[in-house]
Amino acid sequence: MAHFFYEYARLVSELKPKVFIYENVRAILSNDEGRTWKTMTQIF
């Protein structure tokens, strides 16, 4: 799943759409003691 996220982030960065959608599931906030969410917010 991590590979999918980084590929998605790469495409968003490359294509530079006006908006994009990424599902924010509840578990993502607590996964890996919050580090997953922190990484995602830093990338986007």
Protein backbone atom coordinates (compact mmCIF):
# COMPACT_ATOMS: atom_id res chain seq x y z
CA MET A 1 0.00 0.00 0.00
CA ALA A 2 2.86 2.40 0.71
CA HIS A 3 4.05 2.03 -2.87
CA PHE A 4 0.61 3.11 -4.11
CA PHE A 5 0.68 6.22 -1.91
CA TYR A 6 4.08 7.36 -3.14
CA GLU A 7 3.12 6.72 -6.77
CA TYR A 8 -0.09 8.71 -6.25
CA ALA A 9 1.91 11.55 -4.68
CA ARG A 10 4.33 11.49 -7.61
CA LEU A 11 1.48 11.72 -10.12
CA VAL A 12 -0.20 14.57 -8.26
CA SER A 13 3.12 16.42 -8.18
CA GLU A 14 3.75 15.77 -11.87
CA LEU A 15 0.26 16.53 -13.18
CA LYS A 16 -0.45 19.44 -10.80
CA PRO A 17 -4.25 19.15 -10.85
CA LYS A 18 -6.35 21.96 -9.37
CA VAL A 19 -7.81 19.44 -6.92
CA PHE A 20 -7.28 15.80 -6.06
CA ILE A 21 -9.00 13.28 -3.81
CA TYR A 22 -7.36 10.96 -1.33
CA GLU A 23 -9.49 8.95 1.06
CA ASN A 24 -8.82 9.82 4.69
CA VAL A 25 -9.77 6.70 6.62
CA ARG A 26 -9.96 6.94 10.39
CA ALA A 27 -7.14 4.45 10.98
CA ILE A 28 -4.67 6.58 9.05
CA LEU A 29 -4.58 9.10 11.91
CA SER A 30 -3.42 6.50 14.42
CA ASN A 31 -1.38 4.22 12.15
CA ASP A 32 2.28 4.00 13.19
CA GLU A 33 1.62 6.37 16.11
CA GLY A 34 0.54 9.15 13.74
CA ARG A 35 3.69 9.09 11.63
CA THR A 36 1.80 7.97 8.51
CA TRP A 37 -0.52 10.98 8.67
CA LYS A 38 2.39 13.34 9.36
CA THR A 39 4.26 12.02 6.31
CA MET A 40 1.18 12.42 4.12
CA THR A 41 0.57 16.00 5.19
CA GLN A 42 4.22 16.89 4.57
CA ILE A 43 4.09 15.47 1.04
CA PHE A 44 0.86 17.22 0.10
